[in-house]
Amino acid sequence: AGLAFAVGVLAVLVAQQRRFEALRLRVTQALEADDRKARLAEQQRFQTYLLDKALNDPDLAEVLSTINEVDPTKRRQYLFANAIYTNALRAHRAGDVTWDELHGHLRVICQSAIFRDY
């Protein structure tokens, strides 16, 4: 009887250990996902900061822009178009919008001749 009790207790402990490990793994994955989203948000804030500097300074815009031989106004418009596109894409990657919502948004912004030219 004592041996059967010990085996029963051991079985319960093993089952609890497995549930604890599964729970620990889920928590770890959730924390990693949250950390990834936080890093993505921070990177997007920094990209926006850099773009803002480029939009406000034509000399910096020349560094960021890979399009040569355009006037400063057109360059700023292209940089802004890039910012709009990047923002929409990152919203999708972050899970804030679905693929269909992203596609719909891009269809709308592509109505702009400047955006299409970009």
Protein backbone atom coordinates (compact mmCIF):
# COMPACT_ATOMS: atom_id res chain seq x y z
CA ALA A 1 0.00 0.00 0.00
CA GLY A 2 2.87 2.34 0.86
CA LEU A 3 4.56 1.64 -2.47
CA ALA A 4 1.31 2.29 -4.38
CA PHE A 5 0.88 5.58 -2.50
CA ALA A 6 4.46 6.61 -3.30
CA VAL A 7 3.99 5.79 -6.99
CA GLY A 8 0.75 7.80 -7.01
CA VAL A 9 2.41 10.81 -5.38
CA LEU A 10 5.32 10.56 -7.83
CA ALA A 11 2.90 10.45 -10.79
CA VAL A 12 1.11 13.56 -9.50
CA LEU A 13 4.42 15.40 -9.04
CA VAL A 14 5.56 14.49 -12.56
CA ALA A 15 2.26 15.71 -14.01
CA GLN A 16 2.51 18.98 -12.04
CA GLN A 17 6.11 19.44 -13.20
CA ARG A 18 5.06 19.01 -16.83
CA ARG A 19 2.23 21.54 -16.42
CA PHE A 20 4.61 23.95 -14.69
CA GLU A 21 7.15 23.64 -17.53
CA ALA A 22 4.43 24.17 -20.14
CA LEU A 23 3.21 27.25 -18.29
CA ARG A 24 6.77 28.58 -17.90
CA LEU A 25 7.34 28.12 -21.63
CA ARG A 26 4.13 30.02 -22.48
CA VAL A 27 5.10 32.88 -20.16
CA THR A 28 8.60 33.02 -21.66
CA GLN A 29 7.19 33.13 -25.19
CA ALA A 30 4.74 35.87 -24.24
CA LEU A 31 7.51 37.95 -22.69
CA GLU A 32 9.68 37.49 -25.77
CA ALA A 33 6.79 38.57 -28.01
CA ASP A 34 6.21 41.66 -25.85
CA ASP A 35 9.93 42.45 -25.94
CA ARG A 36 9.97 42.11 -29.74
CA LYS A 37 6.99 44.48 -30.03
CA ALA A 38 8.71 46.97 -27.72
CA ARG A 39 11.91 46.84 -29.78
CA LEU A 40 9.90 47.26 -32.98
CA ALA A 41 8.09 50.28 -31.53
CA GLU A 42 11.38 51.84 -30.39
CA GLN A 43 12.95 51.28 -33.80
CA GLN A 44 9.94 52.88 -35.46
CA ARG A 45 10.18 55.91 -33.15
CA PHE A 46 13.85 56.31 -34.02
CA GLN A 47 13.16 55.93 -37.75
CA THR A 48 10.49 58.62 -37.46
CA TYR A 49 12.94 60.88 -35.63
CA LEU A 50 15.54 60.44 -38.39
CA LEU A 51 12.95 61.02 -41.09
CA ASP A 52 11.75 64.17 -39.34
CA LYS A 53 15.31 65.50 -39.32
CA ALA A 54 15.68 64.70 -43.03
CA LEU A 55 12.38 66.35 -43.89
CA ASN A 56 13.44 69.52 -42.07
CA ASP A 57 16.97 69.72 -43.46
CA PRO A 58 17.58 69.39 -47.22
CA ASP A 59 21.24 68.46 -46.62
CA LEU A 60 20.21 65.51 -44.46
CA ALA A 61 17.47 64.56 -46.91
CA GLU A 62 20.16 64.06 -49.55
CA VAL A 63 21.83 61.48 -47.31
CA LEU A 64 18.62 59.54 -46.70
CA SER A 65 17.32 59.73 -50.25
CA THR A 66 18.67 57.30 -52.83
CA ILE A 67 17.01 59.20 -55.66
CA ASN A 68 19.42 61.52 -57.44
CA GLU A 69 18.64 64.52 -59.58
CA VAL A 70 15.36 65.59 -57.98
CA ASP A 71 14.46 68.96 -56.56
CA PRO A 72 14.25 69.34 -52.76
CA THR A 73 10.44 69.48 -52.75
CA LYS A 74 10.13 66.24 -54.71
CA ARG A 75 12.75 64.60 -52.46
CA ARG A 76 10.78 65.56 -49.36
CA GLN A 77 7.60 64.20 -50.93
CA TYR A 78 9.32 60.90 -51.72
CA LEU A 79 10.69 60.65 -48.19
CA PHE A 80 7.23 61.28 -46.83
CA ALA A 81 5.76 58.64 -49.16
CA ASN A 82 8.38 56.23 -47.86
CA ALA A 83 7.40 57.07 -44.29
CA ILE A 84 3.73 56.41 -45.01
CA TYR A 85 4.52 53.08 -46.67
CA THR A 86 6.91 52.03 -43.89
CA ASN A 87 4.40 52.96 -41.22
CA ALA A 88 1.67 50.88 -42.88
CA LEU A 89 4.00 47.91 -43.30
CA ARG A 90 5.16 48.07 -39.67
CA ALA A 91 1.57 48.26 -38.46
CA HIS A 92 0.95 44.99 -40.28
CA ARG A 93 4.11 43.37 -38.91
CA ALA A 94 3.20 44.44 -35.39
CA GLY A 95 -0.19 42.79 -35.79
CA ASP A 96 -2.16 46.03 -35.60
CA VAL A 97 -3.69 45.56 -39.06
CA THR A 98 -4.49 42.48 -41.10
CA TRP A 99 -3.06 41.75 -44.55
CA ASP A 100 -6.38 42.79 -46.11
CA GLU A 101 -6.40 46.06 -44.16
CA LEU A 102 -2.80 46.78 -45.23
CA HIS A 103 -3.64 46.01 -48.85
CA GLY A 104 -6.69 48.29 -48.69
CA HIS A 105 -4.67 51.12 -47.15
CA LEU A 106 -1.97 50.79 -49.81
CA ARG A 107 -4.62 50.87 -52.54
CA VAL A 108 -5.89 54.16 -51.13
CA ILE A 109 -2.51 55.85 -50.79
CA CYS A 110 -1.49 54.67 -54.25
CA GLN A 111 -4.22 56.93 -55.62
CA SER A 112 -1.78 59.80 -55.08
CA ALA A 113 0.22 60.54 -58.22
CA ILE A 114 3.25 61.48 -56.11
CA PHE A 115 3.07 58.21 -54.20
CA ARG A 116 2.76 56.21 -57.45
CA ASP A 117 5.73 58.12 -58.86
CA TYR A 118 7.71 57.30 -55.73
